[in-house]
Protein backbone atom coordinates (compact mmCIF):
# COMPACT_ATOMS: atom_id res chain seq x y z
CA MET A 1 39.75 48.22 -12.84
CA GLU A 2 40.83 49.18 -9.33
CA GLU A 3 42.86 52.12 -10.66
CA MET A 4 39.73 53.50 -12.35
CA PHE A 5 38.18 54.11 -8.93
CA HIS A 6 41.04 56.46 -8.07
CA GLU A 7 41.42 58.20 -11.41
CA GLN A 8 39.41 61.39 -11.69
CA SER A 9 38.68 61.78 -15.37
CA ARG A 10 35.61 61.58 -17.56
CA GLU A 11 37.05 58.51 -19.26
CA ALA A 12 37.41 56.67 -15.95
CA TYR A 13 33.90 57.67 -14.90
CA GLN A 14 32.57 56.58 -18.29
CA PHE A 15 34.29 53.20 -17.99
CA LEU A 16 32.77 52.67 -14.52
CA PHE A 17 29.33 53.84 -15.69
CA ARG A 18 29.40 51.36 -18.57
CA TYR A 19 30.69 48.60 -16.30
CA TYR A 20 27.83 49.05 -13.82
CA SER A 21 25.28 49.55 -16.60
CA ASN A 22 26.17 46.49 -18.67
CA ILE A 23 28.66 44.04 -17.20
CA GLU A 24 27.74 43.98 -13.52
CA PRO A 25 24.34 45.71 -13.45
CA ASN A 26 24.01 47.99 -10.45
CA LYS A 27 21.71 50.94 -11.11
CA LYS A 28 22.82 52.94 -8.08
CA GLN A 29 26.49 52.63 -9.00
CA ALA A 30 25.74 53.42 -12.66
CA PHE A 31 23.87 56.56 -11.55
CA HIS A 32 26.75 57.57 -9.27
CA TRP A 33 29.30 57.43 -12.09
CA LEU A 34 26.95 59.04 -14.60
CA LYS A 35 26.48 61.96 -12.23
CA LYS A 36 30.26 62.41 -12.03
CA MET A 37 30.50 62.22 -15.84
CA SER A 38 27.89 64.95 -16.21
CA TYR A 39 30.08 67.45 -14.31
CA TYR A 40 32.16 67.71 -17.48
CA GLY A 41 29.19 69.37 -19.22
CA ILE A 42 28.87 67.03 -22.19
CA PRO A 43 25.25 67.26 -23.40
CA GLN A 44 24.78 63.51 -23.95
CA ASP A 45 25.85 62.83 -20.34
CA ILE A 46 23.52 65.50 -19.00
CA ARG A 47 20.67 64.15 -21.15
CA LYS A 48 21.28 60.64 -19.80
CA LEU A 49 21.39 61.92 -16.21
CA ALA A 50 18.12 63.83 -16.76
CA HIS A 51 16.56 60.61 -18.03
CA PHE A 52 17.72 58.73 -14.91
CA TYR A 53 16.13 61.39 -12.69
CA ASN A 54 12.96 61.39 -14.78
CA ILE A 55 12.35 57.65 -14.44
CA GLY A 56 14.08 57.13 -11.08
CA GLU A 57 16.75 54.75 -12.33
CA GLY A 58 19.41 54.28 -9.67
CA CYS A 59 17.99 57.21 -7.69
CA GLU A 60 14.74 58.61 -6.39
CA GLN A 61 12.58 60.02 -9.16
CA ASP A 62 13.15 63.80 -9.06
CA GLN A 63 11.19 65.98 -11.48
CA ILE A 64 12.78 69.18 -10.17
CA GLN A 65 16.30 67.92 -10.93
CA PHE A 66 15.05 66.60 -14.27
CA GLU A 67 13.74 70.06 -15.22
CA LYS A 68 16.97 71.76 -14.11
CA LEU A 69 19.02 69.45 -16.30
CA ARG A 70 16.66 69.89 -19.24
CA GLU A 71 17.08 73.64 -18.86
CA LEU A 72 20.86 73.20 -19.16
CA LEU A 73 20.29 71.52 -22.52
CA THR A 74 18.26 74.33 -24.10
CA PRO A 75 20.19 76.24 -26.79
CA ASN A 76 19.97 79.59 -24.96
CA SER A 77 21.43 78.15 -21.77
CA TYR A 78 24.83 77.33 -23.29
CA SER A 79 25.92 80.96 -23.18
CA LYS A 80 24.76 81.28 -19.54
CA ARG A 81 26.65 78.26 -18.20
CA LYS A 82 29.62 78.69 -15.95
CA PHE A 83 32.29 76.02 -16.20
């Protein structure tokens, strides 16, 4: 698992997110790794991150960030995104 901390890939971030979500529950760590996963632009990751912001899981509740992420998920926003 130690090598996962140094690997910078969505798969490594996903592994660490799942680890801190299920095996050794730590909401702040799970949020941290989910945020890194969302940089890859996968809608399910962004949706999950928006949910965390909406309910304040592992972070301060942030409705502004929640709305920004929801906007990214609207069908018209896909053509406007810059990756």
